[in-house]
């Protein structure tokens, strides 16, 4: 979380159950998903996984 704050990236609480929302990139489109893993292209999922590993360590 310190890295996100250092970079000035806003974070929001995320609920585990129910519909989740995300905005990827500079586009103004917000999408939603119900599963634990968002519906992203394969390479996008790899990037997301790499980011989550860096942020949580």
C-alpha atoms as a PDB file:
ATOM      1  CA  UNK A   1       0.000   0.000   0.000  1.00  0.00           C
ATOM      2  CA  UNK A   2       2.920   2.316   0.650  1.00  0.00           C
ATOM      3  CA  UNK A   3       3.942   2.046  -3.010  1.00  0.00           C
ATOM      4  CA  UNK A   4       0.456   3.047  -4.141  1.00  0.00           C
ATOM      5  CA  UNK A   5       0.496   6.061  -1.824  1.00  0.00           C
ATOM      6  CA  UNK A   6       3.983   6.999  -3.025  1.00  0.00           C
ATOM      7  CA  UNK A   7       2.778   6.931  -6.626  1.00  0.00           C
ATOM      8  CA  UNK A   8      -0.352   8.915  -5.760  1.00  0.00           C
ATOM      9  CA  UNK A   9      -2.715   6.123  -6.824  1.00  0.00           C
ATOM     10  CA  UNK A  10      -6.129   6.187  -5.183  1.00  0.00           C
ATOM     11  CA  UNK A  11      -7.386   3.011  -3.558  1.00  0.00           C
ATOM     12  CA  UNK A  12     -10.897   2.113  -2.516  1.00  0.00           C
ATOM     13  CA  UNK A  13     -12.258  -0.560  -0.192  1.00  0.00           C
ATOM     14  CA  UNK A  14     -13.237  -3.672  -2.146  1.00  0.00           C
ATOM     15  CA  UNK A  15     -16.025  -5.940  -1.001  1.00  0.00           C
ATOM     16  CA  UNK A  16     -15.596  -9.679  -1.406  1.00  0.00           C
ATOM     17  CA  UNK A  17     -19.228 -10.644  -2.045  1.00  0.00           C
ATOM     18  CA  UNK A  18     -21.439  -9.239  -4.770  1.00  0.00           C
ATOM     19  CA  UNK A  19     -20.744  -7.126  -7.822  1.00  0.00           C
ATOM     20  CA  UNK A  20     -17.341  -5.495  -8.172  1.00  0.00           C
ATOM     21  CA  UNK A  21     -16.406  -2.563 -10.390  1.00  0.00           C
ATOM     22  CA  UNK A  22     -13.145  -1.627 -12.057  1.00  0.00           C
ATOM     23  CA  UNK A  23     -11.760   0.990 -14.398  1.00  0.00           C
ATOM     24  CA  UNK A  24      -8.668  -0.023 -16.331  1.00  0.00           C
ATOM     25  CA  UNK A  25      -6.408   2.469 -18.049  1.00  0.00           C
ATOM     26  CA  UNK A  26      -7.342   6.011 -18.928  1.00  0.00           C
ATOM     27  CA  UNK A  27     -10.665   5.041 -20.455  1.00  0.00           C
ATOM     28  CA  UNK A  28     -13.763   6.327 -18.710  1.00  0.00           C
ATOM     29  CA  UNK A  29     -15.533   2.978 -19.088  1.00  0.00           C
ATOM     30  CA  UNK A  30     -16.241   1.158 -15.848  1.00  0.00           C
ATOM     31  CA  UNK A  31     -16.988  -2.556 -16.011  1.00  0.00           C
ATOM     32  CA  UNK A  32     -18.375  -4.906 -13.396  1.00  0.00           C
ATOM     33  CA  UNK A  33     -17.889  -8.580 -12.550  1.00  0.00           C
ATOM     34  CA  UNK A  34     -19.212 -11.079 -10.016  1.00  0.00           C
ATOM     35  CA  UNK A  35     -16.335 -13.572  -9.758  1.00  0.00           C
ATOM     36  CA  UNK A  36     -13.157 -13.261  -7.697  1.00  0.00           C
ATOM     37  CA  UNK A  37     -11.096 -12.625 -10.825  1.00  0.00           C
ATOM     38  CA  UNK A  38     -12.127  -9.916 -13.306  1.00  0.00           C
ATOM     39  CA  UNK A  39     -12.679 -10.800 -16.931  1.00  0.00           C
ATOM     40  CA  UNK A  40      -9.469  -9.541 -18.528  1.00  0.00           C
ATOM     41  CA  UNK A  41      -7.327 -10.677 -21.454  1.00  0.00           C
ATOM     42  CA  UNK A  42      -4.710 -13.265 -20.470  1.00  0.00           C
ATOM     43  CA  UNK A  43      -1.798 -10.810 -20.536  1.00  0.00           C
ATOM     44  CA  UNK A  44      -3.851  -8.362 -18.488  1.00  0.00           C
ATOM     45  CA  UNK A  45      -4.379 -11.038 -15.834  1.00  0.00           C
ATOM     46  CA  UNK A  46      -0.640 -11.708 -15.737  1.00  0.00           C
ATOM     47  CA  UNK A  47       0.045  -7.995 -15.255  1.00  0.00           C
ATOM     48  CA  UNK A  48      -2.594  -7.806 -12.518  1.00  0.00           C
ATOM     49  CA  UNK A  49      -1.056 -10.806 -10.762  1.00  0.00           C
ATOM     50  CA  UNK A  50       2.417  -9.239 -10.915  1.00  0.00           C
ATOM     51  CA  UNK A  51       1.079  -5.956  -9.512  1.00  0.00           C
ATOM     52  CA  UNK A  52      -0.733  -7.685  -6.646  1.00  0.00           C
ATOM     53  CA  UNK A  53       2.408  -9.606  -5.708  1.00  0.00           C
ATOM     54  CA  UNK A  54       4.467  -6.412  -5.635  1.00  0.00           C
ATOM     55  CA  UNK A  55       1.905  -4.464  -3.646  1.00  0.00           C
ATOM     56  CA  UNK A  56       1.369  -7.176  -1.041  1.00  0.00           C
ATOM     57  CA  UNK A  57       5.073  -7.663  -0.312  1.00  0.00           C
END
